[in-house]
Amino acid sequence: MKAHKITTQEDLQKAFDIRVKVFVEEQKVPAEEELDQFDHLDGECQHVLITNHDGQAVGTGRVRLVEGVGKIQRVAILEEYRKHGLGRIIIQALEDIAKELGAAKVKLDGQVQAQGFYEKLGYHVASDIFLDAGIEHVLMIKEV
């Protein structure tokens, strides 16, 4: 499976549907906090989508440049597709986009429960634990 850049409103809606299912329904993030000003096709963010072999959208993420650093956000995979290496594929696609945009470094606010996953991908913790939408996070950084 491969992640691809989202270029249509239809694919962007599929990404939103995944995010709502993962963040709003599973993790109880308030819906009004999940979707924001970066959630459109012609904005600062590049969004990616990963589909299964049947063409069903199963994972997503986005990246934008913030002061020359790629900021990875909203990485979400449907529960039944986790633990199959899709997160690695999504992160790699977002890192590649950040490099294309000129970033030498990427950062993300990783949920503490996913910290080990990001560390395996080369990220290191660069902050104390903080709350975002009521969930413990840490700032993580990687050179790309």
C-alpha atoms as a PDB file:
ATOM      1  CA  MET A   1       0.000   0.000   0.000  1.00  0.00           C
ATOM      2  CA  LYS A   2       1.112   3.526  -0.735  1.00  0.00           C
ATOM      3  CA  ALA A   3       0.081   6.935   0.543  1.00  0.00           C
ATOM      4  CA  HIS A   4      -0.757   9.541  -2.075  1.00  0.00           C
ATOM      5  CA  LYS A   5      -1.186  13.305  -1.948  1.00  0.00           C
ATOM      6  CA  ILE A   6      -4.800  14.357  -1.726  1.00  0.00           C
ATOM      7  CA  THR A   7      -5.815  16.434  -4.738  1.00  0.00           C
ATOM      8  CA  THR A   8      -9.615  16.108  -4.769  1.00  0.00           C
ATOM      9  CA  GLN A   9     -12.353  17.203  -2.411  1.00  0.00           C
ATOM     10  CA  GLU A  10     -13.650  13.599  -2.424  1.00  0.00           C
ATOM     11  CA  ASP A  11     -10.334  12.253  -1.064  1.00  0.00           C
ATOM     12  CA  LEU A  12     -10.116  15.102   1.437  1.00  0.00           C
ATOM     13  CA  GLN A  13     -13.554  14.130   2.748  1.00  0.00           C
ATOM     14  CA  LYS A  14     -12.350  10.523   3.112  1.00  0.00           C
ATOM     15  CA  ALA A  15      -9.454  11.825   5.222  1.00  0.00           C
ATOM     16  CA  PHE A  16     -11.869  13.836   7.365  1.00  0.00           C
ATOM     17  CA  ASP A  17     -14.051  10.746   7.849  1.00  0.00           C
ATOM     18  CA  ILE A  18     -11.035   8.764   9.110  1.00  0.00           C
ATOM     19  CA  ARG A  19     -10.005  11.585  11.458  1.00  0.00           C
ATOM     20  CA  VAL A  20     -13.522  11.916  12.892  1.00  0.00           C
ATOM     21  CA  LYS A  21     -13.709   8.168  13.490  1.00  0.00           C
ATOM     22  CA  VAL A  22     -10.268   8.012  15.166  1.00  0.00           C
ATOM     23  CA  PHE A  23     -10.020  11.310  17.013  1.00  0.00           C
ATOM     24  CA  VAL A  24     -13.615  12.343  17.699  1.00  0.00           C
ATOM     25  CA  GLU A  25     -15.344   8.968  18.126  1.00  0.00           C
ATOM     26  CA  GLU A  26     -12.508   6.838  19.589  1.00  0.00           C
ATOM     27  CA  GLN A  27     -10.447   9.415  21.464  1.00  0.00           C
ATOM     28  CA  LYS A  28     -13.274  11.838  22.317  1.00  0.00           C
ATOM     29  CA  VAL A  29     -11.576  14.941  20.861  1.00  0.00           C
ATOM     30  CA  PRO A  30     -14.248  17.640  20.470  1.00  0.00           C
ATOM     31  CA  ALA A  31     -15.307  17.790  16.810  1.00  0.00           C
ATOM     32  CA  GLU A  32     -14.828  21.560  16.725  1.00  0.00           C
ATOM     33  CA  GLU A  33     -11.142  21.068  17.657  1.00  0.00           C
ATOM     34  CA  GLU A  34     -10.452  18.370  15.076  1.00  0.00           C
ATOM     35  CA  LEU A  35     -11.143  20.210  11.831  1.00  0.00           C
ATOM     36  CA  ASP A  36      -9.434  23.575  11.458  1.00  0.00           C
ATOM     37  CA  GLN A  37      -8.409  26.355   9.070  1.00  0.00           C
ATOM     38  CA  PHE A  38      -5.815  24.099   7.398  1.00  0.00           C
ATOM     39  CA  ASP A  39      -8.366  21.557   6.240  1.00  0.00           C
ATOM     40  CA  HIS A  40      -8.848  22.502   2.615  1.00  0.00           C
ATOM     41  CA  LEU A  41      -7.126  21.668  -0.643  1.00  0.00           C
ATOM     42  CA  ASP A  42      -5.613  25.034  -1.501  1.00  0.00           C
ATOM     43  CA  GLY A  43      -4.142  25.881   1.888  1.00  0.00           C
ATOM     44  CA  GLU A  44      -0.808  25.570   3.654  1.00  0.00           C
ATOM     45  CA  CYS A  45      -1.191  21.844   4.353  1.00  0.00           C
ATOM     46  CA  GLN A  46      -0.508  18.907   2.091  1.00  0.00           C
ATOM     47  CA  HIS A  47      -2.729  15.966   3.017  1.00  0.00           C
ATOM     48  CA  VAL A  48      -2.104  12.289   2.255  1.00  0.00           C
ATOM     49  CA  LEU A  49      -4.400   9.294   2.095  1.00  0.00           C
ATOM     50  CA  ILE A  50      -3.625   5.595   2.162  1.00  0.00           C
ATOM     51  CA  THR A  51      -6.040   3.038   0.779  1.00  0.00           C
ATOM     52  CA  ASN A  52      -6.253  -0.729   1.174  1.00  0.00           C
ATOM     53  CA  HIS A  53      -6.180  -3.178  -1.729  1.00  0.00           C
ATOM     54  CA  ASP A  54      -9.928  -2.707  -2.234  1.00  0.00           C
ATOM     55  CA  GLY A  55      -9.562   1.062  -2.553  1.00  0.00           C
ATOM     56  CA  GLN A  56     -11.030   1.837   0.887  1.00  0.00           C
ATOM     57  CA  ALA A  57      -9.422   4.847   2.590  1.00  0.00           C
ATOM     58  CA  VAL A  58      -7.814   3.582   5.816  1.00  0.00           C
ATOM     59  CA  GLY A  59      -5.270   6.210   6.917  1.00  0.00           C
ATOM     60  CA  THR A  60      -4.354   9.858   6.577  1.00  0.00           C
ATOM     61  CA  GLY A  61      -2.075  12.653   7.751  1.00  0.00           C
ATOM     62  CA  ARG A  62      -1.031  16.170   6.839  1.00  0.00           C
ATOM     63  CA  VAL A  63       2.079  18.342   6.853  1.00  0.00           C
ATOM     64  CA  ARG A  64       2.762  22.059   6.538  1.00  0.00           C
ATOM     65  CA  LEU A  65       5.814  24.257   6.834  1.00  0.00           C
ATOM     66  CA  VAL A  66       6.091  26.287  10.033  1.00  0.00           C
ATOM     67  CA  GLU A  67       9.162  28.546  10.083  1.00  0.00           C
ATOM     68  CA  GLY A  68      10.927  26.219   7.647  1.00  0.00           C
ATOM     69  CA  VAL A  69      10.188  23.047   9.616  1.00  0.00           C
ATOM     70  CA  GLY A  70       7.732  20.410   8.416  1.00  0.00           C
ATOM     71  CA  LYS A  71       4.961  20.050  10.984  1.00  0.00           C
ATOM     72  CA  ILE A  72       3.261  16.658  10.765  1.00  0.00           C
ATOM     73  CA  GLN A  73      -0.279  16.534  12.098  1.00  0.00           C
ATOM     74  CA  ARG A  74      -3.513  14.544  12.163  1.00  0.00           C
ATOM     75  CA  VAL A  75      -1.975  11.129  11.506  1.00  0.00           C
ATOM     76  CA  ALA A  76      -4.821   8.631  11.839  1.00  0.00           C
ATOM     77  CA  ILE A  77      -5.377   5.019  10.839  1.00  0.00           C
ATOM     78  CA  LEU A  78      -8.631   3.101  11.180  1.00  0.00           C
ATOM     79  CA  GLU A  79      -8.392   0.726  14.129  1.00  0.00           C
ATOM     80  CA  GLU A  80      -8.631  -2.507  12.138  1.00  0.00           C
ATOM     81  CA  TYR A  81      -5.656  -1.438   9.966  1.00  0.00           C
ATOM     82  CA  ARG A  82      -3.240  -0.533  12.754  1.00  0.00           C
ATOM     83  CA  LYS A  83      -0.138  -2.659  13.410  1.00  0.00           C
ATOM     84  CA  HIS A  84       0.340  -3.355   9.679  1.00  0.00           C
ATOM     85  CA  GLY A  85       3.039  -0.774   8.930  1.00  0.00           C
ATOM     86  CA  LEU A  86       0.683   1.844   7.495  1.00  0.00           C
ATOM     87  CA  GLY A  87       1.762   4.502   9.991  1.00  0.00           C
ATOM     88  CA  ARG A  88       5.336   4.186   8.742  1.00  0.00           C
ATOM     89  CA  ILE A  89       4.133   4.634   5.140  1.00  0.00           C
ATOM     90  CA  ILE A  90       2.093   7.738   6.022  1.00  0.00           C
ATOM     91  CA  ILE A  91       4.936   9.321   8.009  1.00  0.00           C
ATOM     92  CA  GLN A  92       7.425   8.640   5.191  1.00  0.00           C
ATOM     93  CA  ALA A  93       5.083  10.263   2.650  1.00  0.00           C
ATOM     94  CA  LEU A  94       4.691  13.336   4.878  1.00  0.00           C
ATOM     95  CA  GLU A  95       8.449  13.559   5.475  1.00  0.00           C
ATOM     96  CA  ASP A  96       9.015  13.353   1.702  1.00  0.00           C
ATOM     97  CA  ILE A  97       6.570  16.218   1.135  1.00  0.00           C
ATOM     98  CA  ALA A  98       8.302  18.283   3.841  1.00  0.00           C
ATOM     99  CA  LYS A  99      11.660  17.716   2.096  1.00  0.00           C
ATOM    100  CA  GLU A 100      10.123  18.726  -1.258  1.00  0.00           C
ATOM    101  CA  LEU A 101       8.978  21.944   0.429  1.00  0.00           C
ATOM    102  CA  GLY A 102      12.553  22.605   1.598  1.00  0.00           C
ATOM    103  CA  ALA A 103      12.449  21.430   5.203  1.00  0.00           C
ATOM    104  CA  ALA A 104      15.568  19.891   6.730  1.00  0.00           C
ATOM    105  CA  LYS A 105      13.702  18.974   9.901  1.00  0.00           C
ATOM    106  CA  VAL A 106      10.222  17.718  10.794  1.00  0.00           C
ATOM    107  CA  LYS A 107       8.336  17.887  14.061  1.00  0.00           C
ATOM    108  CA  LEU A 108       5.120  16.538  15.457  1.00  0.00           C
ATOM    109  CA  ASP A 109       3.113  16.562  18.646  1.00  0.00           C
ATOM    110  CA  GLY A 110       2.947  12.823  19.271  1.00  0.00           C
ATOM    111  CA  GLN A 111       0.534  11.207  21.664  1.00  0.00           C
ATOM    112  CA  VAL A 112       2.515   9.709  24.534  1.00  0.00           C
ATOM    113  CA  GLN A 113       1.000   6.285  23.801  1.00  0.00           C
ATOM    114  CA  ALA A 114       2.564   6.489  20.278  1.00  0.00           C
ATOM    115  CA  GLN A 115       5.961   7.809  21.402  1.00  0.00           C
ATOM    116  CA  GLY A 116       7.713   4.444  20.903  1.00  0.00           C
ATOM    117  CA  PHE A 117       6.391   4.224  17.341  1.00  0.00           C
ATOM    118  CA  TYR A 118       7.827   7.629  16.457  1.00  0.00           C
ATOM    119  CA  GLU A 119      11.136   6.862  18.175  1.00  0.00           C
ATOM    120  CA  LYS A 120      11.503   3.776  15.948  1.00  0.00           C
ATOM    121  CA  LEU A 121      11.151   6.131  12.970  1.00  0.00           C
ATOM    122  CA  GLY A 122      14.017   8.327  14.211  1.00  0.00           C
ATOM    123  CA  TYR A 123      12.162  10.993  16.177  1.00  0.00           C
ATOM    124  CA  HIS A 124      13.383  12.194  19.569  1.00  0.00           C
ATOM    125  CA  VAL A 125      11.419  13.827  22.356  1.00  0.00           C
ATOM    126  CA  ALA A 126      12.009  17.567  22.650  1.00  0.00           C
ATOM    127  CA  SER A 127       9.535  18.613  25.358  1.00  0.00           C
ATOM    128  CA  ASP A 128       7.888  17.669  28.586  1.00  0.00           C
ATOM    129  CA  ILE A 129       4.461  16.052  28.425  1.00  0.00           C
ATOM    130  CA  PHE A 130       1.629  18.474  27.655  1.00  0.00           C
ATOM    131  CA  LEU A 131      -2.111  18.127  27.109  1.00  0.00           C
ATOM    132  CA  ASP A 132      -3.715  18.672  23.724  1.00  0.00           C
ATOM    133  CA  ALA A 133      -7.465  18.030  23.511  1.00  0.00           C
ATOM    134  CA  GLY A 134      -7.161  16.339  26.894  1.00  0.00           C
ATOM    135  CA  ILE A 135      -4.604  13.800  25.617  1.00  0.00           C
ATOM    136  CA  GLU A 136      -0.951  13.624  26.764  1.00  0.00           C
ATOM    137  CA  HIS A 137       1.514  14.589  24.014  1.00  0.00           C
ATOM    138  CA  VAL A 138       5.219  15.317  23.562  1.00  0.00           C
ATOM    139  CA  LEU A 139       6.963  17.388  20.911  1.00  0.00           C
ATOM    140  CA  MET A 140       9.115  15.131  18.751  1.00  0.00           C
ATOM    141  CA  ILE A 141      11.706  16.179  16.149  1.00  0.00           C
ATOM    142  CA  LYS A 142      13.646  14.470  13.358  1.00  0.00           C
ATOM    143  CA  GLU A 143      16.226  15.594  10.802  1.00  0.00           C
ATOM    144  CA  VAL A 144      15.218  14.622   7.253  1.00  0.00           C
END
